[in-house]
């Protein structure tokens, strides 16, 4: 389920040709959908990661490349989302251009998460 939810925020993040055009919604609403599904992905992905680590342990992560990709991917997603959250709470703390740059870490994390799902 997490793998399916994970792609939805990306489809609503595109500036020109996104799902917002298909549904006929504004960019502002599309960014809200992006944030809601992104938060859902974070909850599901983090819960999955915690459950997996408590079940199989951290020792096996290095032995299985797809497990390592999942862990690194989730860390990158969290690192990419935290500046966005900080900017929304205190815009003066993290400039918009810096938050946008750091938010691409989440995209890189999603790519590793996709490799994790393929494994």
Protein backbone atom coordinates (compact mmCIF):
# COMPACT_ATOMS: atom_id res chain seq x y z
CA UNK A 1 0.00 0.00 0.00
CA UNK A 2 2.84 2.39 0.81
CA UNK A 3 4.33 1.94 -2.65
CA UNK A 4 1.03 2.93 -4.25
CA UNK A 5 0.52 5.97 -2.03
CA UNK A 6 4.14 7.06 -2.50
CA UNK A 7 3.70 8.04 -6.13
CA UNK A 8 0.59 10.21 -5.63
CA UNK A 9 2.41 13.25 -4.15
CA UNK A 10 4.76 13.31 -7.13
CA UNK A 11 1.90 13.35 -9.65
CA UNK A 12 0.40 16.39 -7.95
CA UNK A 13 3.76 18.18 -7.74
CA UNK A 14 4.28 18.77 -11.46
CA UNK A 15 3.90 22.37 -12.52
CA UNK A 16 2.47 21.96 -16.02
CA UNK A 17 1.31 18.41 -16.73
CA UNK A 18 0.13 17.00 -13.43
CA UNK A 19 -2.94 15.22 -12.19
CA UNK A 20 -4.39 18.60 -11.27
CA UNK A 21 -5.01 19.14 -14.99
CA UNK A 22 -6.84 15.81 -15.26
CA UNK A 23 -9.06 16.63 -12.28
CA UNK A 24 -9.42 20.30 -13.21
CA UNK A 25 -8.21 21.64 -9.88
CA UNK A 26 -6.05 24.68 -9.17
CA UNK A 27 -2.32 24.55 -8.43
CA UNK A 28 -3.01 25.61 -4.84
CA UNK A 29 -5.33 22.66 -4.27
CA UNK A 30 -2.84 20.38 -6.04
CA UNK A 31 -0.09 21.42 -3.59
CA UNK A 32 -2.44 20.65 -0.69
CA UNK A 33 -3.20 17.21 -2.13
CA UNK A 34 0.56 16.76 -2.59
CA UNK A 35 1.13 17.60 1.10
CA UNK A 36 -1.69 15.37 2.38
CA UNK A 37 -0.63 12.32 0.39
CA UNK A 38 3.00 13.05 1.20
CA UNK A 39 2.15 13.03 4.91
CA UNK A 40 0.22 9.78 4.47
CA UNK A 41 3.24 8.26 2.70
CA UNK A 42 5.51 9.38 5.54
CA UNK A 43 3.28 7.78 8.15
CA UNK A 44 2.89 4.51 6.23
CA UNK A 45 6.54 4.33 5.17
CA UNK A 46 7.91 5.16 8.60
CA UNK A 47 5.54 2.66 10.24
CA UNK A 48 6.59 0.00 7.73
CA UNK A 49 10.27 0.77 8.37
CA UNK A 50 9.91 0.62 12.16
CA UNK A 51 7.92 -2.61 11.97
CA UNK A 52 10.48 -4.16 9.62
CA UNK A 53 13.44 -3.10 11.77
CA UNK A 54 11.85 -4.50 14.92
CA UNK A 55 10.99 -7.75 13.14
CA UNK A 56 14.16 -8.50 11.16
CA UNK A 57 16.65 -6.33 13.02
CA UNK A 58 19.13 -3.81 11.69
CA UNK A 59 21.92 -6.37 11.14
CA UNK A 60 20.42 -7.70 7.90
CA UNK A 61 20.07 -4.23 6.31
CA UNK A 62 23.68 -4.20 5.06
CA UNK A 63 23.38 -7.69 3.59
CA UNK A 64 20.31 -6.91 1.49
CA UNK A 65 20.72 -4.00 -0.96
CA UNK A 66 16.99 -3.40 -1.37
CA UNK A 67 16.59 -3.09 2.41
CA UNK A 68 19.43 -0.59 2.56
CA UNK A 69 17.83 1.36 -0.30
CA UNK A 70 14.58 1.51 1.68
CA UNK A 71 16.30 2.80 4.81
CA UNK A 72 18.40 5.42 3.00
CA UNK A 73 15.39 6.40 0.91
CA UNK A 74 13.26 7.01 3.98
CA UNK A 75 16.00 9.09 5.60
CA UNK A 76 16.27 11.18 2.41
CA UNK A 77 12.49 11.66 2.30
CA UNK A 78 12.49 12.84 5.90
CA UNK A 79 15.43 15.17 5.25
CA UNK A 80 13.58 16.55 2.23
CA UNK A 81 10.34 17.11 4.11
CA UNK A 82 11.66 18.66 7.32
CA UNK A 83 12.74 21.94 5.64
CA UNK A 84 9.28 22.22 4.04
CA UNK A 85 7.66 21.75 7.42
CA UNK A 86 10.03 24.27 9.00
CA UNK A 87 9.28 26.79 6.22
CA UNK A 88 5.53 26.41 6.69
CA UNK A 89 5.83 26.94 10.46
CA UNK A 90 8.50 29.66 10.46
CA UNK A 91 9.17 31.02 6.94
CA UNK A 92 12.00 33.22 8.20
CA UNK A 93 13.87 30.17 9.54
CA UNK A 94 14.20 28.45 6.15
CA UNK A 95 14.10 30.54 2.98
CA UNK A 96 11.74 29.38 0.22
CA UNK A 97 14.52 28.74 -2.31
CA UNK A 98 16.48 26.68 0.23
CA UNK A 99 13.42 24.63 1.21
CA UNK A 100 12.67 23.94 -2.48
CA UNK A 101 16.25 22.78 -3.08
CA UNK A 102 16.27 20.52 -0.03
CA UNK A 103 12.83 19.18 -0.93
CA UNK A 104 14.43 17.41 -3.93
CA UNK A 105 16.03 15.05 -1.41
CA UNK A 106 12.54 13.60 -0.98
CA UNK A 107 12.43 12.87 -4.70
CA UNK A 108 15.79 11.07 -4.49
CA UNK A 109 14.46 9.17 -1.48
CA UNK A 110 11.39 8.16 -3.46
CA UNK A 111 13.65 6.77 -6.21
CA UNK A 112 15.50 4.64 -3.64
CA UNK A 113 12.16 3.62 -2.16
CA UNK A 114 11.09 2.45 -5.58
CA UNK A 115 14.25 0.32 -5.80
CA UNK A 116 13.35 -1.03 -2.36
CA UNK A 117 9.91 -2.08 -3.62
CA UNK A 118 11.45 -3.78 -6.67
CA UNK A 119 13.75 -5.78 -4.39
